[in-house]
Amino acid sequence: MYSIYQILQLLLNVLFYIIMIQIVLSWLFAFNVINHQNEFVRQLARGLDTITEPLYRPIRRILPDFGGIDFSPMIVLLIIGILQRILLPNIFASLINAGAA
């Protein structure tokens, strides 16, 4: 049971870092630090968008329009933090305690 918990924690950590890389890359695009014509960078950004867009889409439907600012990555990071620090430990602790009883 503990190995499933560790796998879920690892996947959430990987997702956290993917979102952070995407945020930094989008800032570098916005401030013209990275060349938009570079094929590798364009492919990397497209791949990260493909991974994260299904997570952002439901949140973007709920959030109001804030102009050019997208708060959906911040909301997803907040949800990941809640899952990692509150929900998953409590769920697995109760499963372990229920199995031991």
PDB file of N, CA and C in Angstrom:
ATOM      1  N   MET A   1       0.819  -1.188   0.000  1.00  0.00           N
ATOM      2  CA  MET A   1       0.000   0.000   0.000  1.00  0.00           C
ATOM      3  C   MET A   1       0.872   1.265   0.000  1.00  0.00           C
ATOM      4  N   TYR A   2       1.960   1.203   0.721  1.00  0.00           N
ATOM      5  CA  TYR A   2       2.849   2.359   0.809  1.00  0.00           C
ATOM      6  C   TYR A   2       3.503   2.652  -0.540  1.00  0.00           C
ATOM      7  N   SER A   3       3.740   1.611  -1.338  1.00  0.00           N
ATOM      8  CA  SER A   3       4.361   1.839  -2.650  1.00  0.00           C
ATOM      9  C   SER A   3       3.418   2.597  -3.580  1.00  0.00           C
ATOM     10  N   ILE A   4       2.115   2.362  -3.478  1.00  0.00           N
ATOM     11  CA  ILE A   4       1.149   3.118  -4.278  1.00  0.00           C
ATOM     12  C   ILE A   4       1.178   4.588  -3.867  1.00  0.00           C
ATOM     13  N   TYR A   5       1.266   4.824  -2.572  1.00  0.00           N
ATOM     14  CA  TYR A   5       1.367   6.193  -2.059  1.00  0.00           C
ATOM     15  C   TYR A   5       2.611   6.885  -2.612  1.00  0.00           C
ATOM     16  N   GLN A   6       3.738   6.189  -2.612  1.00  0.00           N
ATOM     17  CA  GLN A   6       4.976   6.776  -3.121  1.00  0.00           C
ATOM     18  C   GLN A   6       4.892   7.057  -4.616  1.00  0.00           C
ATOM     19  N   ILE A   7       4.266   6.170  -5.372  1.00  0.00           N
ATOM     20  CA  ILE A   7       4.108   6.386  -6.811  1.00  0.00           C
ATOM     21  C   ILE A   7       3.243   7.608  -7.075  1.00  0.00           C
ATOM     22  N   LEU A   8       2.135   7.734  -6.340  1.00  0.00           N
ATOM     23  CA  LEU A   8       1.282   8.910  -6.510  1.00  0.00           C
ATOM     24  C   LEU A   8       2.014  10.199  -6.138  1.00  0.00           C
ATOM     25  N   GLN A   9       2.794  10.157  -5.075  1.00  0.00           N
ATOM     26  CA  GLN A   9       3.580  11.331  -4.683  1.00  0.00           C
ATOM     27  C   GLN A   9       4.592  11.688  -5.774  1.00  0.00           C
ATOM     28  N   LEU A  10       5.237  10.682  -6.345  1.00  0.00           N
ATOM     29  CA  LEU A  10       6.212  10.921  -7.410  1.00  0.00           C
ATOM     30  C   LEU A  10       5.549  11.537  -8.639  1.00  0.00           C
ATOM     31  N   LEU A  11       4.392  11.006  -9.029  1.00  0.00           N
ATOM     32  CA  LEU A  11       3.682  11.551 -10.187  1.00  0.00           C
ATOM     33  C   LEU A  11       3.247  12.992  -9.949  1.00  0.00           C
ATOM     34  N   LEU A  12       2.804  13.286  -8.741  1.00  0.00           N
ATOM     35  CA  LEU A  12       2.423  14.667  -8.437  1.00  0.00           C
ATOM     36  C   LEU A  12       3.648  15.586  -8.438  1.00  0.00           C
ATOM     37  N   ASN A  13       4.791  15.097  -7.966  1.00  0.00           N
ATOM     38  CA  ASN A  13       6.027  15.891  -8.021  1.00  0.00           C
ATOM     39  C   ASN A  13       6.440  16.164  -9.453  1.00  0.00           C
ATOM     40  N   VAL A  14       6.368  15.165 -10.304  1.00  0.00           N
ATOM     41  CA  VAL A  14       6.725  15.337 -11.719  1.00  0.00           C
ATOM     42  C   VAL A  14       5.791  16.348 -12.370  1.00  0.00           C
ATOM     43  N   LEU A  15       4.497  16.234 -12.085  1.00  0.00           N
ATOM     44  CA  LEU A  15       3.534  17.183 -12.639  1.00  0.00           C
ATOM     45  C   LEU A  15       3.810  18.594 -12.145  1.00  0.00           C
ATOM     46  N   PHE A  16       4.175  18.736 -10.876  1.00  0.00           N
ATOM     47  CA  PHE A  16       4.532  20.046 -10.328  1.00  0.00           C
ATOM     48  C   PHE A  16       5.689  20.662 -11.115  1.00  0.00           C
ATOM     49  N   TYR A  17       6.735  19.884 -11.361  1.00  0.00           N
ATOM     50  CA  TYR A  17       7.893  20.411 -12.079  1.00  0.00           C
ATOM     51  C   TYR A  17       7.583  20.694 -13.544  1.00  0.00           C
ATOM     52  N   ILE A  18       6.729  19.902 -14.156  1.00  0.00           N
ATOM     53  CA  ILE A  18       6.321  20.173 -15.539  1.00  0.00           C
ATOM     54  C   ILE A  18       5.606  21.518 -15.614  1.00  0.00           C
ATOM     55  N   ILE A  19       4.716  21.769 -14.675  1.00  0.00           N
ATOM     56  CA  ILE A  19       3.987  23.035 -14.667  1.00  0.00           C
ATOM     57  C   ILE A  19       4.939  24.199 -14.404  1.00  0.00           C
ATOM     58  N   MET A  20       5.884  24.023 -13.489  1.00  0.00           N
ATOM     59  CA  MET A  20       6.850  25.094 -13.211  1.00  0.00           C
ATOM     60  C   MET A  20       7.702  25.401 -14.442  1.00  0.00           C
ATOM     61  N   ILE A  21       8.144  24.362 -15.149  1.00  0.00           N
ATOM     62  CA  ILE A  21       8.933  24.573 -16.367  1.00  0.00           C
ATOM     63  C   ILE A  21       8.100  25.302 -17.408  1.00  0.00           C
ATOM     64  N   GLN A  22       6.833  24.935 -17.522  1.00  0.00           N
ATOM     65  CA  GLN A  22       5.962  25.604 -18.488  1.00  0.00           C
ATOM     66  C   GLN A  22       5.760  27.069 -18.124  1.00  0.00           C
ATOM     67  N   ILE A  23       5.622  27.370 -16.850  1.00  0.00           N
ATOM     68  CA  ILE A  23       5.446  28.761 -16.413  1.00  0.00           C
ATOM     69  C   ILE A  23       6.677  29.586 -16.762  1.00  0.00           C
ATOM     70  N   VAL A  24       7.849  29.074 -16.439  1.00  0.00           N
ATOM     71  CA  VAL A  24       9.088  29.803 -16.731  1.00  0.00           C
ATOM     72  C   VAL A  24       9.263  29.973 -18.236  1.00  0.00           C
ATOM     73  N   LEU A  25       8.969  28.926 -18.996  1.00  0.00           N
ATOM     74  CA  LEU A  25       9.100  29.011 -20.450  1.00  0.00           C
ATOM     75  C   LEU A  25       8.141  30.049 -21.028  1.00  0.00           C
ATOM     76  N   SER A  26       6.934  30.115 -20.493  1.00  0.00           N
ATOM     77  CA  SER A  26       5.979  31.110 -21.003  1.00  0.00           C
ATOM     78  C   SER A  26       6.443  32.533 -20.667  1.00  0.00           C
ATOM     79  N   TRP A  27       7.056  32.724 -19.493  1.00  0.00           N
ATOM     80  CA  TRP A  27       7.594  34.040 -19.163  1.00  0.00           C
ATOM     81  C   TRP A  27       8.748  34.403 -20.089  1.00  0.00           C
ATOM     82  N   LEU A  28       9.601  33.432 -20.396  1.00  0.00           N
ATOM     83  CA  LEU A  28      10.717  33.694 -21.308  1.00  0.00           C
ATOM     84  C   LEU A  28      10.214  34.034 -22.701  1.00  0.00           C
ATOM     85  N   PHE A  29       9.118  33.395 -23.127  1.00  0.00           N
ATOM     86  CA  PHE A  29       8.495  33.763 -24.399  1.00  0.00           C
ATOM     87  C   PHE A  29       7.935  35.178 -24.333  1.00  0.00           C
ATOM     88  N   ALA A  30       7.250  35.500 -23.243  1.00  0.00           N
ATOM     89  CA  ALA A  30       6.572  36.789 -23.126  1.00  0.00           C
ATOM     90  C   ALA A  30       7.558  37.955 -23.122  1.00  0.00           C
ATOM     91  N   PHE A  31       8.729  37.753 -22.533  1.00  0.00           N
ATOM     92  CA  PHE A  31       9.717  38.822 -22.455  1.00  0.00           C
ATOM     93  C   PHE A  31      10.785  38.725 -23.541  1.00  0.00           C
ATOM     94  N   ASN A  32      10.543  37.897 -24.559  1.00  0.00           N
ATOM     95  CA  ASN A  32      11.432  37.731 -25.708  1.00  0.00           C
ATOM     96  C   ASN A  32      12.857  37.370 -25.318  1.00  0.00           C
ATOM     97  N   VAL A  33      13.003  36.548 -24.303  1.00  0.00           N
ATOM     98  CA  VAL A  33      14.322  36.052 -23.917  1.00  0.00           C
ATOM     99  C   VAL A  33      14.689  34.863 -24.794  1.00  0.00           C
ATOM    100  N   ILE A  34      13.681  34.086 -25.153  1.00  0.00           N
ATOM    101  CA  ILE A  34      13.890  32.906 -26.004  1.00  0.00           C
ATOM    102  C   ILE A  34      13.383  33.226 -27.397  1.00  0.00           C
ATOM    103  N   ASN A  35      14.106  32.769 -28.381  1.00  0.00           N
ATOM    104  CA  ASN A  35      13.725  32.967 -29.769  1.00  0.00           C
ATOM    105  C   ASN A  35      12.536  32.074 -30.101  1.00  0.00           C
ATOM    106  N   HIS A  36      11.458  32.671 -30.593  1.00  0.00           N
ATOM    107  CA  HIS A  36      10.258  31.912 -30.958  1.00  0.00           C
ATOM    108  C   HIS A  36      10.472  31.040 -32.184  1.00  0.00           C
ATOM    109  N   GLN A  37      11.488  31.347 -32.967  1.00  0.00           N
ATOM    110  CA  GLN A  37      11.734  30.600 -34.196  1.00  0.00           C
ATOM    111  C   GLN A  37      12.506  29.307 -33.969  1.00  0.00           C
ATOM    112  N   ASN A  38      13.051  29.114 -32.772  1.00  0.00           N
ATOM    113  CA  ASN A  38      13.810  27.914 -32.459  1.00  0.00           C
ATOM    114  C   ASN A  38      12.866  26.712 -32.423  1.00  0.00           C
ATOM    115  N   GLU A  39      13.132  25.718 -33.259  1.00  0.00           N
ATOM    116  CA  GLU A  39      12.244  24.561 -33.390  1.00  0.00           C
ATOM    117  C   GLU A  39      12.190  23.734 -32.104  1.00  0.00           C
ATOM    118  N   PHE A  40      13.329  23.547 -31.430  1.00  0.00           N
ATOM    119  CA  PHE A  40      13.346  22.757 -30.194  1.00  0.00           C
ATOM    120  C   PHE A  40      12.488  23.402 -29.118  1.00  0.00           C
ATOM    121  N   VAL A  41      12.626  24.700 -28.960  1.00  0.00           N
ATOM    122  CA  VAL A  41      11.873  25.411 -27.936  1.00  0.00           C
ATOM    123  C   VAL A  41      10.382  25.369 -28.256  1.00  0.00           C
ATOM    124  N   ARG A  42      10.038  25.524 -29.528  1.00  0.00           N
ATOM    125  CA  ARG A  42       8.637  25.463 -29.936  1.00  0.00           C
ATOM    126  C   ARG A  42       8.045  24.084 -29.676  1.00  0.00           C
ATOM    127  N   GLN A  43       8.809  23.030 -29.982  1.00  0.00           N
ATOM    128  CA  GLN A  43       8.344  21.671 -29.721  1.00  0.00           C
ATOM    129  C   GLN A  43       8.206  21.409 -28.223  1.00  0.00           C
ATOM    130  N   LEU A  44       9.137  21.902 -27.425  1.00  0.00           N
ATOM    131  CA  LEU A  44       9.069  21.742 -25.977  1.00  0.00           C
ATOM    132  C   LEU A  44       7.823  22.433 -25.422  1.00  0.00           C
ATOM    133  N   ALA A  45       7.572  23.653 -25.852  1.00  0.00           N
ATOM    134  CA  ALA A  45       6.396  24.388 -25.386  1.00  0.00           C
ATOM    135  C   ALA A  45       5.116  23.674 -25.816  1.00  0.00           C
ATOM    136  N   ARG A  46       5.081  23.173 -27.021  1.00  0.00           N
ATOM    137  CA  ARG A  46       3.899  22.460 -27.509  1.00  0.00           C
ATOM    138  C   ARG A  46       3.674  21.172 -26.721  1.00  0.00           C
ATOM    139  N   GLY A  47       4.749  20.458 -26.405  1.00  0.00           N
ATOM    140  CA  GLY A  47       4.627  19.234 -25.615  1.00  0.00           C
ATOM    141  C   GLY A  47       4.130  19.512 -24.204  1.00  0.00           C
ATOM    142  N   LEU A  48       4.655  20.556 -23.585  1.00  0.00           N
ATOM    143  CA  LEU A  48       4.194  20.929 -22.246  1.00  0.00           C
ATOM    144  C   LEU A  48       2.738  21.372 -22.258  1.00  0.00           C
ATOM    145  N   ASP A  49       2.341  22.094 -23.304  1.00  0.00           N
ATOM    146  CA  ASP A  49       0.934  22.492 -23.431  1.00  0.00           C
ATOM    147  C   ASP A  49       0.029  21.281 -23.589  1.00  0.00           C
ATOM    148  N   THR A  50       0.489  20.292 -24.339  1.00  0.00           N
ATOM    149  CA  THR A  50      -0.300  19.078 -24.535  1.00  0.00           C
ATOM    150  C   THR A  50      -0.502  18.333 -23.221  1.00  0.00           C
ATOM    151  N   ILE A  51       0.505  18.329 -22.376  1.00  0.00           N
ATOM    152  CA  ILE A  51       0.410  17.638 -21.090  1.00  0.00           C
ATOM    153  C   ILE A  51      -0.499  18.392 -20.124  1.00  0.00           C
ATOM    154  N   THR A  52      -0.381  19.703 -20.073  1.00  0.00           N
ATOM    155  CA  THR A  52      -1.065  20.478 -19.034  1.00  0.00           C
ATOM    156  C   THR A  52      -2.433  21.019 -19.432  1.00  0.00           C
ATOM    157  N   GLU A  53      -2.710  21.123 -20.695  1.00  0.00           N
ATOM    158  CA  GLU A  53      -3.984  21.710 -21.123  1.00  0.00           C
ATOM    159  C   GLU A  53      -5.207  20.972 -20.576  1.00  0.00           C
ATOM    160  N   PRO A  54      -5.227  19.642 -20.519  1.00  0.00           N
ATOM    161  CA  PRO A  54      -6.405  18.979 -19.917  1.00  0.00           C
ATOM    162  C   PRO A  54      -6.604  19.323 -18.444  1.00  0.00           C
ATOM    163  N   LEU A  55      -5.553  19.698 -17.749  1.00  0.00           N
ATOM    164  CA  LEU A  55      -5.686  20.110 -16.351  1.00  0.00           C
ATOM    165  C   LEU A  55      -6.203  21.541 -16.237  1.00  0.00           C
ATOM    166  N   TYR A  56      -5.785  22.395 -17.149  1.00  0.00           N
ATOM    167  CA  TYR A  56      -6.150  23.802 -17.091  1.00  0.00           C
ATOM    168  C   TYR A  56      -7.561  24.070 -17.607  1.00  0.00           C
ATOM    169  N   ARG A  57      -8.009  23.303 -18.588  1.00  0.00           N
ATOM    170  CA  ARG A  57      -9.269  23.593 -19.276  1.00  0.00           C
ATOM    171  C   ARG A  57     -10.463  23.700 -18.323  1.00  0.00           C
ATOM    172  N   PRO A  58     -10.685  22.748 -17.394  1.00  0.00           N
ATOM    173  CA  PRO A  58     -11.847  22.910 -16.506  1.00  0.00           C
ATOM    174  C   PRO A  58     -11.729  24.121 -15.580  1.00  0.00           C
ATOM    175  N   ILE A  59     -10.526  24.447 -15.180  1.00  0.00           N
ATOM    176  CA  ILE A  59     -10.328  25.599 -14.302  1.00  0.00           C
ATOM    177  C   ILE A  59     -10.557  26.893 -15.071  1.00  0.00           C
ATOM    178  N   ARG A  60     -10.138  26.948 -16.317  1.00  0.00           N
ATOM    179  CA  ARG A  60     -10.341  28.150 -17.132  1.00  0.00           C
ATOM    180  C   ARG A  60     -11.817  28.403 -17.396  1.00  0.00           C
ATOM    181  N   ARG A  61     -12.626  27.318 -17.447  1.00  0.00           N
ATOM    182  CA  ARG A  61     -14.062  27.506 -17.634  1.00  0.00           C
ATOM    183  C   ARG A  61     -14.708  28.146 -16.411  1.00  0.00           C
ATOM    184  N   ILE A  62     -14.167  27.842 -15.226  1.00  0.00           N
ATOM    185  CA  ILE A  62     -14.748  28.337 -13.980  1.00  0.00           C
ATOM    186  C   ILE A  62     -14.271  29.755 -13.661  1.00  0.00           C
ATOM    187  N   LEU A  63     -12.978  30.011 -13.844  1.00  0.00           N
ATOM    188  CA  LEU A  63     -12.401  31.312 -13.487  1.00  0.00           C
ATOM    189  C   LEU A  63     -12.894  32.410 -14.423  1.00  0.00           C
ATOM    190  N   PRO A  64     -13.110  33.610 -13.898  1.00  0.00           N
ATOM    191  CA  PRO A  64     -13.447  34.731 -14.773  1.00  0.00           C
ATOM    192  C   PRO A  64     -12.224  35.167 -15.572  1.00  0.00           C
ATOM    193  N   ASP A  65     -12.461  35.955 -16.601  1.00  0.00           N
ATOM    194  CA  ASP A  65     -11.371  36.444 -17.446  1.00  0.00           C
ATOM    195  C   ASP A  65     -10.642  37.575 -16.723  1.00  0.00           C
ATOM    196  N   PHE A  66      -9.331  37.413 -16.550  1.00  0.00           N
ATOM    197  CA  PHE A  66      -8.506  38.420 -15.896  1.00  0.00           C
ATOM    198  C   PHE A  66      -7.637  39.167 -16.899  1.00  0.00           C
ATOM    199  N   GLY A  67      -8.065  39.240 -18.120  1.00  0.00           N
ATOM    200  CA  GLY A  67      -7.270  39.897 -19.144  1.00  0.00           C
ATOM    201  C   GLY A  67      -6.217  38.948 -19.668  1.00  0.00           C
ATOM    202  N   GLY A  68      -4.969  39.366 -19.644  1.00  0.00           N
ATOM    203  CA  GLY A  68      -3.885  38.544 -20.163  1.00  0.00           C
ATOM    204  C   GLY A  68      -3.252  37.627 -19.136  1.00  0.00           C
ATOM    205  N   ILE A  69      -3.783  37.606 -17.916  1.00  0.00           N
ATOM    206  CA  ILE A  69      -3.184  36.797 -16.856  1.00  0.00           C
ATOM    207  C   ILE A  69      -3.951  35.486 -16.722  1.00  0.00           C
ATOM    208  N   ASP A  70      -3.219  34.377 -16.729  1.00  0.00           N
ATOM    209  CA  ASP A  70      -3.825  33.054 -16.595  1.00  0.00           C
ATOM    210  C   ASP A  70      -3.487  32.506 -15.207  1.00  0.00           C
ATOM    211  N   PHE A  71      -4.502  32.379 -14.368  1.00  0.00           N
ATOM    212  CA  PHE A  71      -4.294  31.884 -13.016  1.00  0.00           C
ATOM    213  C   PHE A  71      -4.476  30.370 -12.901  1.00  0.00           C
ATOM    214  N   SER A  72      -4.832  29.703 -13.979  1.00  0.00           N
ATOM    215  CA  SER A  72      -5.089  28.260 -13.901  1.00  0.00           C
ATOM    216  C   SER A  72      -3.857  27.450 -13.480  1.00  0.00           C
ATOM    217  N   PRO A  73      -2.622  27.766 -13.915  1.00  0.00           N
ATOM    218  CA  PRO A  73      -1.483  26.998 -13.395  1.00  0.00           C
ATOM    219  C   PRO A  73      -1.317  27.142 -11.889  1.00  0.00           C
ATOM    220  N   MET A  74      -1.588  28.334 -11.351  1.00  0.00           N
ATOM    221  CA  MET A  74      -1.468  28.537  -9.917  1.00  0.00           C
ATOM    222  C   MET A  74      -2.512  27.705  -9.163  1.00  0.00           C
ATOM    223  N   ILE A  75      -3.718  27.623  -9.696  1.00  0.00           N
ATOM    224  CA  ILE A  75      -4.770  26.831  -9.070  1.00  0.00           C
ATOM    225  C   ILE A  75      -4.405  25.351  -9.101  1.00  0.00           C
ATOM    226  N   VAL A  76      -3.855  24.878 -10.237  1.00  0.00           N
ATOM    227  CA  VAL A  76      -3.451  23.474 -10.337  1.00  0.00           C
ATOM    228  C   VAL A  76      -2.315  23.180  -9.354  1.00  0.00           C
ATOM    229  N   LEU A  77      -1.362  24.079  -9.216  1.00  0.00           N
ATOM    230  CA  LEU A  77      -0.280  23.891  -8.239  1.00  0.00           C
ATOM    231  C   LEU A  77      -0.820  23.867  -6.815  1.00  0.00           C
ATOM    232  N   LEU A  78      -1.819  24.681  -6.540  1.00  0.00           N
ATOM    233  CA  LEU A  78      -2.446  24.676  -5.222  1.00  0.00           C
ATOM    234  C   LEU A  78      -3.145  23.335  -4.964  1.00  0.00           C
ATOM    235  N   ILE A  79      -3.838  22.816  -5.960  1.00  0.00           N
ATOM    236  CA  ILE A  79      -4.510  21.518  -5.832  1.00  0.00           C
ATOM    237  C   ILE A  79      -3.488  20.404  -5.628  1.00  0.00           C
ATOM    238  N   ILE A  80      -2.387  20.456  -6.349  1.00  0.00           N
ATOM    239  CA  ILE A  80      -1.330  19.452  -6.173  1.00  0.00           C
ATOM    240  C   ILE A  80      -0.786  19.505  -4.754  1.00  0.00           C
ATOM    241  N   GLY A  81      -0.558  20.708  -4.242  1.00  0.00           N
ATOM    242  CA  GLY A  81      -0.067  20.851  -2.871  1.00  0.00           C
ATOM    243  C   GLY A  81      -1.042  20.297  -1.848  1.00  0.00           C
ATOM    244  N   ILE A  82      -2.329  20.563  -2.038  1.00  0.00           N
ATOM    245  CA  ILE A  82      -3.347  20.029  -1.126  1.00  0.00           C
ATOM    246  C   ILE A  82      -3.379  18.507  -1.196  1.00  0.00           C
ATOM    247  N   LEU A  83      -3.290  17.972  -2.401  1.00  0.00           N
ATOM    248  CA  LEU A  83      -3.279  16.507  -2.547  1.00  0.00           C
ATOM    249  C   LEU A  83      -2.072  15.893  -1.855  1.00  0.00           C
ATOM    250  N   GLN A  84      -0.901  16.481  -2.061  1.00  0.00           N
ATOM    251  CA  GLN A  84       0.327  15.912  -1.517  1.00  0.00           C
ATOM    252  C   GLN A  84       0.416  16.023  -0.009  1.00  0.00           C
ATOM    253  N   ARG A  85      -0.011  17.124   0.542  1.00  0.00           N
ATOM    254  CA  ARG A  85       0.237  17.376   1.962  1.00  0.00           C
ATOM    255  C   ARG A  85      -0.933  17.052   2.869  1.00  0.00           C
ATOM    256  N   ILE A  86      -2.152  17.015   2.329  1.00  0.00           N
ATOM    257  CA  ILE A  86      -3.310  16.817   3.189  1.00  0.00           C
ATOM    258  C   ILE A  86      -4.081  15.553   2.824  1.00  0.00           C
ATOM    259  N   LEU A  87      -4.568  15.484   1.589  1.00  0.00           N
ATOM    260  CA  LEU A  87      -5.486  14.404   1.235  1.00  0.00           C
ATOM    261  C   LEU A  87      -4.828  13.033   1.161  1.00  0.00           C
ATOM    262  N   LEU A  88      -3.762  12.905   0.371  1.00  0.00           N
ATOM    263  CA  LEU A  88      -3.141  11.582   0.214  1.00  0.00           C
ATOM    264  C   LEU A  88      -2.615  11.001   1.522  1.00  0.00           C
ATOM    265  N   PRO A  89      -1.905  11.767   2.355  1.00  0.00           N
ATOM    266  CA  PRO A  89      -1.456  11.168   3.623  1.00  0.00           C
ATOM    267  C   PRO A  89      -2.612  10.705   4.510  1.00  0.00           C
ATOM    268  N   ASN A  90      -3.685  11.493   4.553  1.00  0.00           N
ATOM    269  CA  ASN A  90      -4.825  11.106   5.382  1.00  0.00           C
ATOM    270  C   ASN A  90      -5.555   9.894   4.821  1.00  0.00           C
ATOM    271  N   ILE A  91      -5.711   9.841   3.504  1.00  0.00           N
ATOM    272  CA  ILE A  91      -6.385   8.699   2.889  1.00  0.00           C
ATOM    273  C   ILE A  91      -5.591   7.424   3.125  1.00  0.00           C
ATOM    274  N   PHE A  92      -4.304   7.459   2.878  1.00  0.00           N
ATOM    275  CA  PHE A  92      -3.502   6.250   3.038  1.00  0.00           C
ATOM    276  C   PHE A  92      -3.318   5.877   4.509  1.00  0.00           C
ATOM    277  N   ALA A  93      -3.281   6.861   5.396  1.00  0.00           N
ATOM    278  CA  ALA A  93      -3.204   6.542   6.826  1.00  0.00           C
ATOM    279  C   ALA A  93      -4.479   5.845   7.284  1.00  0.00           C
ATOM    280  N   SER A  94      -5.626   6.309   6.804  1.00  0.00           N
ATOM    281  CA  SER A  94      -6.871   5.644   7.193  1.00  0.00           C
ATOM    282  C   SER A  94      -6.982   4.264   6.564  1.00  0.00           C
ATOM    283  N   LEU A  95      -6.473   4.081   5.352  1.00  0.00           N
ATOM    284  CA  LEU A  95      -6.492   2.754   4.737  1.00  0.00           C
ATOM    285  C   LEU A  95      -5.594   1.791   5.485  1.00  0.00           C
ATOM    286  N   ILE A  96      -4.433   2.262   5.907  1.00  0.00           N
ATOM    287  CA  ILE A  96      -3.511   1.406   6.644  1.00  0.00           C
ATOM    288  C   ILE A  96      -4.093   1.056   8.017  1.00  0.00           C
ATOM    289  N   ASN A  97      -4.687   2.045   8.687  1.00  0.00           N
ATOM    290  CA  ASN A  97      -5.304   1.794   9.986  1.00  0.00           C
ATOM    291  C   ASN A  97      -6.501   0.871   9.877  1.00  0.00           C
ATOM    292  N   ALA A  98      -7.268   0.989   8.807  1.00  0.00           N
ATOM    293  CA  ALA A  98      -8.430   0.114   8.617  1.00  0.00           C
ATOM    294  C   ALA A  98      -7.984  -1.306   8.317  1.00  0.00           C
ATOM    295  N   GLY A  99      -6.872  -1.446   7.608  1.00  0.00           N
ATOM    296  CA  GLY A  99      -6.341  -2.779   7.311  1.00  0.00           C
ATOM    297  C   GLY A  99      -5.721  -3.455   8.527  1.00  0.00           C
ATOM    298  N   ALA A 100      -5.191  -2.660   9.435  1.00  0.00           N
ATOM    299  CA  ALA A 100      -4.558  -3.209  10.623  1.00  0.00           C
ATOM    300  C   ALA A 100      -5.591  -3.619  11.673  1.00  0.00           C
ATOM    301  N   ALA A 101      -6.781  -3.007  11.604  1.00  0.00           N
ATOM    302  CA  ALA A 101      -7.802  -3.291  12.620  1.00  0.00           C
ATOM    303  C   ALA A 101      -8.516  -4.602  12.393  1.00  0.00           C
TER     304      ALA A 101
END
